[in-house]
Amino acid sequence: MKNICPLRYLTETFGGKWKMPIICILADASPKRYSVIKRRLGGITNMMLAQSLKELESSGLISRTQYNEVPPRVEYSLTERGKGALPMLTAAAQWAVSEMEGEGFSANCGECRSLC
């Protein structure tokens, strides 16, 4: 068993600009196609989205389902492990909203919808 700081593990698992927003998009329980995730994120490149999805999948937080159809259809959804992270992300979002309001920012998120 490796020794690692829990906060380091957390940042390695959820770190980066796009991973938490992707999880938030998938939080409403309905599977999402790549194009829907990309559209909701806005500003992400195809390469970065593909890499982030692969990392989240290899961490066991999301699942990728490919359907044998023409044209091919792929959907992403949260795994049970990913769903287990939602309370922590909701608490973090609530903390951020409180801090933002105290600093004069308006919390307006078009990505999460279900967590913020």
PDB file of N, CA and C in Angstrom:
ATOM      1  N   MET A   1       0.848  -1.180   0.000  1.00  0.00           N
ATOM      2  CA  MET A   1       0.000   0.000   0.000  1.00  0.00           C
ATOM      3  C   MET A   1       0.893   1.241   0.000  1.00  0.00           C
ATOM      4  N   LYS A   2       0.579   2.170  -0.888  1.00  0.00           N
ATOM      5  CA  LYS A   2       1.349   3.406  -0.995  1.00  0.00           C
ATOM      6  C   LYS A   2       0.813   4.445  -0.023  1.00  0.00           C
ATOM      7  N   ASN A   3       1.703   5.215   0.546  1.00  0.00           N
ATOM      8  CA  ASN A   3       1.310   6.345   1.376  1.00  0.00           C
ATOM      9  C   ASN A   3       1.189   7.574   0.498  1.00  0.00           C
ATOM     10  N   ILE A   4       0.072   8.245   0.590  1.00  0.00           N
ATOM     11  CA  ILE A   4      -0.136   9.487  -0.167  1.00  0.00           C
ATOM     12  C   ILE A   4      -1.071  10.385   0.634  1.00  0.00           C
ATOM     13  N   CYS A   5      -0.840  11.650   0.534  1.00  0.00           N
ATOM     14  CA  CYS A   5      -1.687  12.639   1.197  1.00  0.00           C
ATOM     15  C   CYS A   5      -3.079  12.597   0.567  1.00  0.00           C
ATOM     16  N   PRO A   6      -4.133  12.549   1.380  1.00  0.00           N
ATOM     17  CA  PRO A   6      -5.493  12.532   0.820  1.00  0.00           C
ATOM     18  C   PRO A   6      -5.799  13.738  -0.067  1.00  0.00           C
ATOM     19  N   LEU A   7      -5.283  14.898   0.279  1.00  0.00           N
ATOM     20  CA  LEU A   7      -5.539  16.072  -0.552  1.00  0.00           C
ATOM     21  C   LEU A   7      -4.800  15.978  -1.882  1.00  0.00           C
ATOM     22  N   ARG A   8      -3.625  15.381  -1.864  1.00  0.00           N
ATOM     23  CA  ARG A   8      -2.906  15.166  -3.123  1.00  0.00           C
ATOM     24  C   ARG A   8      -3.684  14.187  -4.005  1.00  0.00           C
ATOM     25  N   TYR A   9      -4.203  13.120  -3.398  1.00  0.00           N
ATOM     26  CA  TYR A   9      -5.014  12.152  -4.137  1.00  0.00           C
ATOM     27  C   TYR A   9      -6.228  12.848  -4.750  1.00  0.00           C
ATOM     28  N   LEU A  10      -6.862  13.693  -3.957  1.00  0.00           N
ATOM     29  CA  LEU A  10      -8.036  14.432  -4.420  1.00  0.00           C
ATOM     30  C   LEU A  10      -7.693  15.313  -5.620  1.00  0.00           C
ATOM     31  N   THR A  11      -6.602  16.051  -5.533  1.00  0.00           N
ATOM     32  CA  THR A  11      -6.244  16.931  -6.639  1.00  0.00           C
ATOM     33  C   THR A  11      -5.784  16.143  -7.858  1.00  0.00           C
ATOM     34  N   GLU A  12      -5.153  14.999  -7.662  1.00  0.00           N
ATOM     35  CA  GLU A  12      -4.765  14.182  -8.810  1.00  0.00           C
ATOM     36  C   GLU A  12      -5.990  13.587  -9.499  1.00  0.00           C
ATOM     37  N   THR A  13      -7.000  13.248  -8.725  1.00  0.00           N
ATOM     38  CA  THR A  13      -8.207  12.645  -9.277  1.00  0.00           C
ATOM     39  C   THR A  13      -9.119  13.673  -9.932  1.00  0.00           C
ATOM     40  N   PHE A  14      -9.301  14.818  -9.281  1.00  0.00           N
ATOM     41  CA  PHE A  14     -10.265  15.817  -9.751  1.00  0.00           C
ATOM     42  C   PHE A  14      -9.612  17.078 -10.299  1.00  0.00           C
ATOM     43  N   GLY A  15      -8.285  17.135 -10.287  1.00  0.00           N
ATOM     44  CA  GLY A  15      -7.576  18.347 -10.675  1.00  0.00           C
ATOM     45  C   GLY A  15      -7.689  18.665 -12.155  1.00  0.00           C
ATOM     46  N   GLY A  16      -7.318  19.866 -12.477  1.00  0.00           N
ATOM     47  CA  GLY A  16      -7.394  20.337 -13.851  1.00  0.00           C
ATOM     48  C   GLY A  16      -8.629  21.202 -14.040  1.00  0.00           C
ATOM     49  N   LYS A  17      -8.642  21.873 -15.138  1.00  0.00           N
ATOM     50  CA  LYS A  17      -9.713  22.825 -15.423  1.00  0.00           C
ATOM     51  C   LYS A  17     -11.040  22.166 -15.757  1.00  0.00           C
ATOM     52  N   TRP A  18     -11.014  20.955 -16.298  1.00  0.00           N
ATOM     53  CA  TRP A  18     -12.224  20.405 -16.911  1.00  0.00           C
ATOM     54  C   TRP A  18     -12.866  19.232 -16.196  1.00  0.00           C
ATOM     55  N   LYS A  19     -12.148  18.525 -15.334  1.00  0.00           N
ATOM     56  CA  LYS A  19     -12.701  17.289 -14.766  1.00  0.00           C
ATOM     57  C   LYS A  19     -13.936  17.527 -13.904  1.00  0.00           C
ATOM     58  N   MET A  20     -13.885  18.471 -12.989  1.00  0.00           N
ATOM     59  CA  MET A  20     -15.058  18.714 -12.142  1.00  0.00           C
ATOM     60  C   MET A  20     -16.256  19.213 -12.945  1.00  0.00           C
ATOM     61  N   PRO A  21     -16.071  20.132 -13.894  1.00  0.00           N
ATOM     62  CA  PRO A  21     -17.223  20.520 -14.714  1.00  0.00           C
ATOM     63  C   PRO A  21     -17.815  19.352 -15.504  1.00  0.00           C
ATOM     64  N   ILE A  22     -16.988  18.446 -15.986  1.00  0.00           N
ATOM     65  CA  ILE A  22     -17.511  17.269 -16.695  1.00  0.00           C
ATOM     66  C   ILE A  22     -18.355  16.424 -15.751  1.00  0.00           C
ATOM     67  N   ILE A  23     -17.862  16.206 -14.549  1.00  0.00           N
ATOM     68  CA  ILE A  23     -18.621  15.433 -13.562  1.00  0.00           C
ATOM     69  C   ILE A  23     -19.943  16.131 -13.250  1.00  0.00           C
ATOM     70  N   CYS A  24     -19.911  17.448 -13.129  1.00  0.00           N
ATOM     71  CA  CYS A  24     -21.145  18.196 -12.862  1.00  0.00           C
ATOM     72  C   CYS A  24     -22.159  18.039 -13.995  1.00  0.00           C
ATOM     73  N   ILE A  25     -21.681  18.043 -15.221  1.00  0.00           N
ATOM     74  CA  ILE A  25     -22.574  17.877 -16.372  1.00  0.00           C
ATOM     75  C   ILE A  25     -23.230  16.501 -16.335  1.00  0.00           C
ATOM     76  N   LEU A  26     -22.480  15.503 -15.892  1.00  0.00           N
ATOM     77  CA  LEU A  26     -23.004  14.137 -15.844  1.00  0.00           C
ATOM     78  C   LEU A  26     -23.800  13.848 -14.571  1.00  0.00           C
ATOM     79  N   ALA A  27     -23.892  14.811 -13.668  1.00  0.00           N
ATOM     80  CA  ALA A  27     -24.520  14.586 -12.363  1.00  0.00           C
ATOM     81  C   ALA A  27     -26.028  14.396 -12.421  1.00  0.00           C
ATOM     82  N   ASP A  28     -26.681  14.795 -13.486  1.00  0.00           N
ATOM     83  CA  ASP A  28     -28.143  14.693 -13.520  1.00  0.00           C
ATOM     84  C   ASP A  28     -28.645  13.295 -13.866  1.00  0.00           C
ATOM     85  N   ALA A  29     -27.758  12.343 -13.941  1.00  0.00           N
ATOM     86  CA  ALA A  29     -28.073  10.916 -14.086  1.00  0.00           C
ATOM     87  C   ALA A  29     -28.404  10.451 -15.500  1.00  0.00           C
ATOM     88  N   SER A  30     -28.643  11.348 -16.430  1.00  0.00           N
ATOM     89  CA  SER A  30     -28.894  10.879 -17.792  1.00  0.00           C
ATOM     90  C   SER A  30     -27.575  10.851 -18.557  1.00  0.00           C
ATOM     91  N   PRO A  31     -27.310   9.771 -19.275  1.00  0.00           N
ATOM     92  CA  PRO A  31     -26.065   9.685 -20.050  1.00  0.00           C
ATOM     93  C   PRO A  31     -25.983  10.823 -21.069  1.00  0.00           C
ATOM     94  N   LYS A  32     -24.759  11.272 -21.316  1.00  0.00           N
ATOM     95  CA  LYS A  32     -24.539  12.371 -22.242  1.00  0.00           C
ATOM     96  C   LYS A  32     -23.585  11.946 -23.347  1.00  0.00           C
ATOM     97  N   ARG A  33     -23.853  12.429 -24.535  1.00  0.00           N
ATOM     98  CA  ARG A  33     -22.960  12.194 -25.663  1.00  0.00           C
ATOM     99  C   ARG A  33     -21.830  13.216 -25.628  1.00  0.00           C
ATOM    100  N   TYR A  34     -20.752  12.862 -26.294  1.00  0.00           N
ATOM    101  CA  TYR A  34     -19.565  13.707 -26.360  1.00  0.00           C
ATOM    102  C   TYR A  34     -19.926  15.128 -26.793  1.00  0.00           C
ATOM    103  N   SER A  35     -20.728  15.244 -27.829  1.00  0.00           N
ATOM    104  CA  SER A  35     -21.069  16.568 -28.371  1.00  0.00           C
ATOM    105  C   SER A  35     -21.842  17.413 -27.364  1.00  0.00           C
ATOM    106  N   VAL A  36     -22.681  16.779 -26.560  1.00  0.00           N
ATOM    107  CA  VAL A  36     -23.441  17.507 -25.541  1.00  0.00           C
ATOM    108  C   VAL A  36     -22.497  18.030 -24.461  1.00  0.00           C
ATOM    109  N   ILE A  37     -21.567  17.189 -24.034  1.00  0.00           N
ATOM    110  CA  ILE A  37     -20.594  17.609 -23.023  1.00  0.00           C
ATOM    111  C   ILE A  37     -19.757  18.771 -23.555  1.00  0.00           C
ATOM    112  N   LYS A  38     -19.287  18.636 -24.776  1.00  0.00           N
ATOM    113  CA  LYS A  38     -18.455  19.688 -25.382  1.00  0.00           C
ATOM    114  C   LYS A  38     -19.217  21.001 -25.498  1.00  0.00           C
ATOM    115  N   ARG A  39     -20.451  20.934 -25.927  1.00  0.00           N
ATOM    116  CA  ARG A  39     -21.270  22.138 -26.080  1.00  0.00           C
ATOM    117  C   ARG A  39     -21.514  22.807 -24.721  1.00  0.00           C
ATOM    118  N   ARG A  40     -21.819  22.007 -23.698  1.00  0.00           N
ATOM    119  CA  ARG A  40     -22.089  22.567 -22.368  1.00  0.00           C
ATOM    120  C   ARG A  40     -20.839  23.181 -21.744  1.00  0.00           C
ATOM    121  N   LEU A  41     -19.674  22.590 -22.022  1.00  0.00           N
ATOM    122  CA  LEU A  41     -18.439  23.135 -21.461  1.00  0.00           C
ATOM    123  C   LEU A  41     -18.044  24.438 -22.140  1.00  0.00           C
ATOM    124  N   GLY A  42     -18.115  24.459 -23.453  1.00  0.00           N
ATOM    125  CA  GLY A  42     -17.693  25.644 -24.187  1.00  0.00           C
ATOM    126  C   GLY A  42     -16.212  25.932 -23.968  1.00  0.00           C
ATOM    127  N   GLY A  43     -15.500  26.185 -25.017  1.00  0.00           N
ATOM    128  CA  GLY A  43     -14.103  26.568 -24.897  1.00  0.00           C
ATOM    129  C   GLY A  43     -13.110  25.434 -24.715  1.00  0.00           C
ATOM    130  N   ILE A  44     -13.550  24.202 -24.688  1.00  0.00           N
ATOM    131  CA  ILE A  44     -12.643  23.074 -24.546  1.00  0.00           C
ATOM    132  C   ILE A  44     -12.325  22.515 -25.933  1.00  0.00           C
ATOM    133  N   THR A  45     -11.073  22.133 -26.122  1.00  0.00           N
ATOM    134  CA  THR A  45     -10.687  21.536 -27.398  1.00  0.00           C
ATOM    135  C   THR A  45     -11.083  20.062 -27.413  1.00  0.00           C
ATOM    136  N   ASN A  46     -11.180  19.493 -28.602  1.00  0.00           N
ATOM    137  CA  ASN A  46     -11.489  18.064 -28.711  1.00  0.00           C
ATOM    138  C   ASN A  46     -10.429  17.222 -28.017  1.00  0.00           C
ATOM    139  N   MET A  47      -9.158  17.602 -28.177  1.00  0.00           N
ATOM    140  CA  MET A  47      -8.079  16.843 -27.559  1.00  0.00           C
ATOM    141  C   MET A  47      -8.174  16.862 -26.034  1.00  0.00           C
ATOM    142  N   MET A  48      -8.453  18.027 -25.462  1.00  0.00           N
ATOM    143  CA  MET A  48      -8.543  18.142 -24.003  1.00  0.00           C
ATOM    144  C   MET A  48      -9.771  17.412 -23.473  1.00  0.00           C
ATOM    145  N   LEU A  49     -10.891  17.476 -24.178  1.00  0.00           N
ATOM    146  CA  LEU A  49     -12.083  16.761 -23.735  1.00  0.00           C
ATOM    147  C   LEU A  49     -11.848  15.263 -23.788  1.00  0.00           C
ATOM    148  N   ALA A  50     -11.285  14.785 -24.876  1.00  0.00           N
ATOM    149  CA  ALA A  50     -11.008  13.347 -24.993  1.00  0.00           C
ATOM    150  C   ALA A  50     -10.060  12.888 -23.895  1.00  0.00           C
ATOM    151  N   GLN A  51      -9.020  13.666 -23.624  1.00  0.00           N
ATOM    152  CA  GLN A  51      -8.059  13.307 -22.575  1.00  0.00           C
ATOM    153  C   GLN A  51      -8.714  13.308 -21.202  1.00  0.00           C
ATOM    154  N   SER A  52      -9.520  14.325 -20.907  1.00  0.00           N
ATOM    155  CA  SER A  52     -10.189  14.414 -19.611  1.00  0.00           C
ATOM    156  C   SER A  52     -11.158  13.253 -19.418  1.00  0.00           C
ATOM    157  N   LEU A  53     -11.918  12.918 -20.461  1.00  0.00           N
ATOM    158  CA  LEU A  53     -12.845  11.787 -20.373  1.00  0.00           C
ATOM    159  C   LEU A  53     -12.099  10.481 -20.142  1.00  0.00           C
ATOM    160  N   LYS A  54     -10.972  10.285 -20.821  1.00  0.00           N
ATOM    161  CA  LYS A  54     -10.178   9.070 -20.623  1.00  0.00           C
ATOM    162  C   LYS A  54      -9.638   8.990 -19.200  1.00  0.00           C
ATOM    163  N   GLU A  55      -9.161  10.102 -18.663  1.00  0.00           N
ATOM    164  CA  GLU A  55      -8.640  10.118 -17.301  1.00  0.00           C
ATOM    165  C   GLU A  55      -9.745   9.835 -16.284  1.00  0.00           C
ATOM    166  N   LEU A  56     -10.902  10.429 -16.479  1.00  0.00           N
ATOM    167  CA  LEU A  56     -12.025  10.175 -15.569  1.00  0.00           C
ATOM    168  C   LEU A  56     -12.488   8.725 -15.657  1.00  0.00           C
ATOM    169  N   GLU A  57     -12.463   8.180 -16.859  1.00  0.00           N
ATOM    170  CA  GLU A  57     -12.834   6.774 -17.032  1.00  0.00           C
ATOM    171  C   GLU A  57     -11.809   5.857 -16.373  1.00  0.00           C
ATOM    172  N   SER A  58     -10.533   6.147 -16.541  1.00  0.00           N
ATOM    173  CA  SER A  58      -9.504   5.296 -15.932  1.00  0.00           C
ATOM    174  C   SER A  58      -9.504   5.424 -14.413  1.00  0.00           C
ATOM    175  N   SER A  59     -10.002   6.548 -13.881  1.00  0.00           N
ATOM    176  CA  SER A  59     -10.143   6.712 -12.429  1.00  0.00           C
ATOM    177  C   SER A  59     -11.387   6.015 -11.899  1.00  0.00           C
ATOM    178  N   GLY A  60     -12.232   5.522 -12.794  1.00  0.00           N
ATOM    179  CA  GLY A  60     -13.447   4.839 -12.373  1.00  0.00           C
ATOM    180  C   GLY A  60     -14.578   5.770 -11.999  1.00  0.00           C
ATOM    181  N   LEU A  61     -14.485   7.037 -12.389  1.00  0.00           N
ATOM    182  CA  LEU A  61     -15.524   8.005 -12.038  1.00  0.00           C
ATOM    183  C   LEU A  61     -16.633   8.085 -13.076  1.00  0.00           C
ATOM    184  N   ILE A  62     -16.294   7.804 -14.328  1.00  0.00           N
ATOM    185  CA  ILE A  62     -17.312   7.795 -15.377  1.00  0.00           C
ATOM    186  C   ILE A  62     -17.197   6.505 -16.178  1.00  0.00           C
ATOM    187  N   SER A  63     -18.282   6.177 -16.834  1.00  0.00           N
ATOM    188  CA  SER A  63     -18.260   5.014 -17.726  1.00  0.00           C
ATOM    189  C   SER A  63     -18.567   5.487 -19.139  1.00  0.00           C
ATOM    190  N   ARG A  64     -17.994   4.762 -20.076  1.00  0.00           N
ATOM    191  CA  ARG A  64     -18.171   5.055 -21.499  1.00  0.00           C
ATOM    192  C   ARG A  64     -18.887   3.866 -22.110  1.00  0.00           C
ATOM    193  N   THR A  65     -20.021   4.115 -22.760  1.00  0.00           N
ATOM    194  CA  THR A  65     -20.789   3.055 -23.399  1.00  0.00           C
ATOM    195  C   THR A  65     -20.845   3.336 -24.889  1.00  0.00           C
ATOM    196  N   GLN A  66     -20.338   2.383 -25.665  1.00  0.00           N
ATOM    197  CA  GLN A  66     -20.360   2.514 -27.115  1.00  0.00           C
ATOM    198  C   GLN A  66     -21.409   1.566 -27.674  1.00  0.00           C
ATOM    199  N   TYR A  67     -22.270   2.108 -28.533  1.00  0.00           N
ATOM    200  CA  TYR A  67     -23.332   1.328 -29.141  1.00  0.00           C
ATOM    201  C   TYR A  67     -22.934   0.969 -30.570  1.00  0.00           C
ATOM    202  N   ASN A  68     -23.208  -0.249 -30.955  1.00  0.00           N
ATOM    203  CA  ASN A  68     -22.888  -0.708 -32.310  1.00  0.00           C
ATOM    204  C   ASN A  68     -23.991  -0.278 -33.265  1.00  0.00           C
ATOM    205  N   GLU A  69     -23.920   0.967 -33.646  1.00  0.00           N
ATOM    206  CA  GLU A  69     -24.889   1.558 -34.559  1.00  0.00           C
ATOM    207  C   GLU A  69     -24.133   2.295 -35.656  1.00  0.00           C
ATOM    208  N   VAL A  70     -24.841   2.641 -36.694  1.00  0.00           N
ATOM    209  CA  VAL A  70     -24.275   3.480 -37.742  1.00  0.00           C
ATOM    210  C   VAL A  70     -25.141   4.733 -37.824  1.00  0.00           C
ATOM    211  N   PRO A  71     -24.601   5.900 -37.568  1.00  0.00           N
ATOM    212  CA  PRO A  71     -23.237   6.166 -37.124  1.00  0.00           C
ATOM    213  C   PRO A  71     -23.030   5.718 -35.675  1.00  0.00           C
ATOM    214  N   PRO A  72     -21.764   5.517 -35.272  1.00  0.00           N
ATOM    215  CA  PRO A  72     -21.483   5.070 -33.902  1.00  0.00           C
ATOM    216  C   PRO A  72     -22.000   6.080 -32.869  1.00  0.00           C
ATOM    217  N   ARG A  73     -22.461   5.549 -31.766  1.00  0.00           N
ATOM    218  CA  ARG A  73     -22.961   6.400 -30.676  1.00  0.00           C
ATOM    219  C   ARG A  73     -22.228   6.012 -29.410  1.00  0.00           C
ATOM    220  N   VAL A  74     -21.700   7.023 -28.708  1.00  0.00           N
ATOM    221  CA  VAL A  74     -21.001   6.814 -27.443  1.00  0.00           C
ATOM    222  C   VAL A  74     -21.638   7.729 -26.408  1.00  0.00           C
ATOM    223  N   GLU A  75     -21.897   7.174 -25.225  1.00  0.00           N
ATOM    224  CA  GLU A  75     -22.474   7.963 -24.138  1.00  0.00           C
ATOM    225  C   GLU A  75     -21.622   7.814 -22.892  1.00  0.00           C
ATOM    226  N   TYR A  76     -21.615   8.880 -22.104  1.00  0.00           N
ATOM    227  CA  TYR A  76     -20.851   8.911 -20.857  1.00  0.00           C
ATOM    228  C   TYR A  76     -21.812   9.114 -19.697  1.00  0.00           C
ATOM    229  N   SER A  77     -21.520   8.462 -18.584  1.00  0.00           N
ATOM    230  CA  SER A  77     -22.331   8.630 -17.384  1.00  0.00           C
ATOM    231  C   SER A  77     -21.450   8.415 -16.159  1.00  0.00           C
ATOM    232  N   LEU A  78     -21.950   8.853 -15.022  1.00  0.00           N
ATOM    233  CA  LEU A  78     -21.213   8.656 -13.778  1.00  0.00           C
ATOM    234  C   LEU A  78     -21.341   7.213 -13.314  1.00  0.00           C
ATOM    235  N   THR A  79     -20.268   6.688 -12.771  1.00  0.00           N
ATOM    236  CA  THR A  79     -20.301   5.384 -12.123  1.00  0.00           C
ATOM    237  C   THR A  79     -20.778   5.590 -10.687  1.00  0.00           C
ATOM    238  N   GLU A  80     -20.937   4.512  -9.957  1.00  0.00           N
ATOM    239  CA  GLU A  80     -21.294   4.640  -8.539  1.00  0.00           C
ATOM    240  C   GLU A  80     -20.207   5.400  -7.791  1.00  0.00           C
ATOM    241  N   ARG A  81     -18.966   5.152  -8.157  1.00  0.00           N
ATOM    242  CA  ARG A  81     -17.848   5.875  -7.533  1.00  0.00           C
ATOM    243  C   ARG A  81     -17.960   7.364  -7.835  1.00  0.00           C
ATOM    244  N   GLY A  82     -18.285   7.697  -9.064  1.00  0.00           N
ATOM    245  CA  GLY A  82     -18.462   9.099  -9.443  1.00  0.00           C
ATOM    246  C   GLY A  82     -19.620   9.740  -8.707  1.00  0.00           C
ATOM    247  N   LYS A  83     -20.712   9.009  -8.573  1.00  0.00           N
ATOM    248  CA  LYS A  83     -21.873   9.525  -7.833  1.00  0.00           C
ATOM    249  C   LYS A  83     -21.523   9.749  -6.369  1.00  0.00           C
ATOM    250  N   GLY A  84     -20.626   8.923  -5.834  1.00  0.00           N
ATOM    251  CA  GLY A  84     -20.197   9.075  -4.447  1.00  0.00           C
ATOM    252  C   GLY A  84     -19.441  10.369  -4.200  1.00  0.00           C
ATOM    253  N   ALA A  85     -18.881  10.958  -5.243  1.00  0.00           N
ATOM    254  CA  ALA A  85     -18.147  12.219  -5.111  1.00  0.00           C
ATOM    255  C   ALA A  85     -19.073  13.435  -5.142  1.00  0.00           C
ATOM    256  N   LEU A  86     -20.318  13.251  -5.550  1.00  0.00           N
ATOM    257  CA  LEU A  86     -21.225  14.398  -5.711  1.00  0.00           C
ATOM    258  C   LEU A  86     -21.459  15.188  -4.421  1.00  0.00           C
ATOM    259  N   PRO A  87     -21.651  14.541  -3.255  1.00  0.00           N
ATOM    260  CA  PRO A  87     -21.834  15.348  -2.036  1.00  0.00           C
ATOM    261  C   PRO A  87     -20.635  16.259  -1.745  1.00  0.00           C
ATOM    262  N   MET A  88     -19.430  15.760  -1.980  1.00  0.00           N
ATOM    263  CA  MET A  88     -18.234  16.560  -1.758  1.00  0.00           C
ATOM    264  C   MET A  88     -18.188  17.725  -2.745  1.00  0.00           C
ATOM    265  N   LEU A  89     -18.518  17.465  -4.007  1.00  0.00           N
ATOM    266  CA  LEU A  89     -18.510  18.532  -5.010  1.00  0.00           C
ATOM    267  C   LEU A  89     -19.607  19.558  -4.738  1.00  0.00           C
ATOM    268  N   THR A  90     -20.759  19.093  -4.275  1.00  0.00           N
ATOM    269  CA  THR A  90     -21.851  20.011  -3.926  1.00  0.00           C
ATOM    270  C   THR A  90     -21.433  20.916  -2.775  1.00  0.00           C
ATOM    271  N   ALA A  91     -20.789  20.330  -1.763  1.00  0.00           N
ATOM    272  CA  ALA A  91     -20.320  21.120  -0.628  1.00  0.00           C
ATOM    273  C   ALA A  91     -19.270  22.136  -1.074  1.00  0.00           C
ATOM    274  N   ALA A  92     -18.365  21.733  -1.945  1.00  0.00           N
ATOM    275  CA  ALA A  92     -17.345  22.648  -2.457  1.00  0.00           C
ATOM    276  C   ALA A  92     -17.999  23.774  -3.255  1.00  0.00           C
ATOM    277  N   ALA A  93     -19.003  23.454  -4.061  1.00  0.00           N
ATOM    278  CA  ALA A  93     -19.696  24.474  -4.855  1.00  0.00           C
ATOM    279  C   ALA A  93     -20.424  25.454  -3.940  1.00  0.00           C
ATOM    280  N   GLN A  94     -21.054  24.946  -2.885  1.00  0.00           N
ATOM    281  CA  GLN A  94     -21.758  25.824  -1.950  1.00  0.00           C
ATOM    282  C   GLN A  94     -20.784  26.754  -1.232  1.00  0.00           C
ATOM    283  N   TRP A  95     -19.625  26.228  -0.857  1.00  0.00           N
ATOM    284  CA  TRP A  95     -18.597  27.060  -0.248  1.00  0.00           C
ATOM    285  C   TRP A  95     -18.168  28.150  -1.221  1.00  0.00           C
ATOM    286  N   ALA A  96     -17.930  27.779  -2.488  1.00  0.00           N
ATOM    287  CA  ALA A  96     -17.491  28.742  -3.493  1.00  0.00           C
ATOM    288  C   ALA A  96     -18.539  29.831  -3.715  1.00  0.00           C
ATOM    289  N   VAL A  97     -19.814  29.457  -3.775  1.00  0.00           N
ATOM    290  CA  VAL A  97     -20.887  30.434  -3.960  1.00  0.00           C
ATOM    291  C   VAL A  97     -20.870  31.440  -2.818  1.00  0.00           C
ATOM    292  N   SER A  98     -20.740  30.949  -1.596  1.00  0.00           N
ATOM    293  CA  SER A  98     -20.700  31.828  -0.427  1.00  0.00           C
ATOM    294  C   SER A  98     -19.518  32.786  -0.498  1.00  0.00           C
ATOM    295  N   GLU A  99     -18.359  32.270  -0.850  1.00  0.00           N
ATOM    296  CA  GLU A  99     -17.163  33.105  -0.958  1.00  0.00           C
ATOM    297  C   GLU A  99     -17.286  34.110  -2.097  1.00  0.00           C
ATOM    298  N   MET A 100     -17.823  33.677  -3.215  1.00  0.00           N
ATOM    299  CA  MET A 100     -17.965  34.561  -4.374  1.00  0.00           C
ATOM    300  C   MET A 100     -18.889  35.729  -4.057  1.00  0.00           C
ATOM    301  N   GLU A 101     -20.006  35.429  -3.402  1.00  0.00           N
ATOM    302  CA  GLU A 101     -20.951  36.482  -3.064  1.00  0.00           C
ATOM    303  C   GLU A 101     -20.319  37.482  -2.107  1.00  0.00           C
ATOM    304  N   GLY A 102     -19.486  36.986  -1.190  1.00  0.00           N
ATOM    305  CA  GLY A 102     -18.784  37.865  -0.261  1.00  0.00           C
ATOM    306  C   GLY A 102     -17.782  38.768  -0.949  1.00  0.00           C
ATOM    307  N   GLU A 103     -17.320  38.361  -2.109  1.00  0.00           N
ATOM    308  CA  GLU A 103     -16.354  39.153  -2.864  1.00  0.00           C
ATOM    309  C   GLU A 103     -17.007  39.942  -3.997  1.00  0.00           C
ATOM    310  N   GLY A 104     -18.337  39.911  -4.067  1.00  0.00           N
ATOM    311  CA  GLY A 104     -19.042  40.695  -5.064  1.00  0.00           C
ATOM    312  C   GLY A 104     -19.219  40.021  -6.416  1.00  0.00           C
ATOM    313  N   PHE A 105     -18.972  38.718  -6.490  1.00  0.00           N
ATOM    314  CA  PHE A 105     -19.172  37.984  -7.737  1.00  0.00           C
ATOM    315  C   PHE A 105     -20.562  37.373  -7.754  1.00  0.00           C
ATOM    316  N   SER A 106     -21.109  37.211  -8.924  1.00  0.00           N
ATOM    317  CA  SER A 106     -22.381  36.534  -9.084  1.00  0.00           C
ATOM    318  C   SER A 106     -22.114  35.092  -9.514  1.00  0.00           C
ATOM    319  N   ALA A 107     -22.647  34.142  -8.788  1.00  0.00           N
ATOM    320  CA  ALA A 107     -22.473  32.729  -9.123  1.00  0.00           C
ATOM    321  C   ALA A 107     -23.511  32.359 -10.172  1.00  0.00           C
ATOM    322  N   ASN A 108     -23.046  32.128 -11.387  1.00  0.00           N
ATOM    323  CA  ASN A 108     -23.941  31.785 -12.485  1.00  0.00           C
ATOM    324  C   ASN A 108     -23.269  30.709 -13.317  1.00  0.00           C
ATOM    325  N   CYS A 109     -23.665  29.470 -13.090  1.00  0.00           N
ATOM    326  CA  CYS A 109     -23.006  28.358 -13.760  1.00  0.00           C
ATOM    327  C   CYS A 109     -23.957  27.701 -14.747  1.00  0.00           C
ATOM    328  N   GLY A 110     -23.561  27.658 -16.003  1.00  0.00           N
ATOM    329  CA  GLY A 110     -24.362  27.005 -17.012  1.00  0.00           C
ATOM    330  C   GLY A 110     -23.983  25.543 -17.181  1.00  0.00           C
ATOM    331  N   GLU A 111     -22.922  25.112 -16.497  1.00  0.00           N
ATOM    332  CA  GLU A 111     -22.448  23.737 -16.651  1.00  0.00           C
ATOM    333  C   GLU A 111     -23.129  22.794 -15.664  1.00  0.00           C
ATOM    334  N   CYS A 112     -23.018  23.128 -14.398  1.00  0.00           N
ATOM    335  CA  CYS A 112     -23.445  22.191 -13.354  1.00  0.00           C
ATOM    336  C   CYS A 112     -24.959  22.067 -13.272  1.00  0.00           C
ATOM    337  N   ARG A 113     -25.611  23.164 -13.191  1.00  0.00           N
ATOM    338  CA  ARG A 113     -27.070  23.218 -13.069  1.00  0.00           C
ATOM    339  C   ARG A 113     -27.581  22.428 -11.877  1.00  0.00           C
ATOM    340  N   SER A 114     -27.124  21.197 -11.687  1.00  0.00           N
ATOM    341  CA  SER A 114     -27.679  20.379 -10.616  1.00  0.00           C
ATOM    342  C   SER A 114     -26.899  20.495  -9.315  1.00  0.00           C
ATOM    343  N   LEU A 115     -25.667  21.020  -9.339  1.00  0.00           N
ATOM    344  CA  LEU A 115     -24.868  21.062  -8.126  1.00  0.00           C
ATOM    345  C   LEU A 115     -24.742  22.452  -7.552  1.00  0.00           C
ATOM    346  N   CYS A 116     -24.690  23.462  -8.373  1.00  0.00           N
ATOM    347  CA  CYS A 116     -24.461  24.830  -7.895  1.00  0.00           C
ATOM    348  C   CYS A 116     -25.760  25.510  -7.506  1.00  0.00           C
TER     349      CYS A 116
END
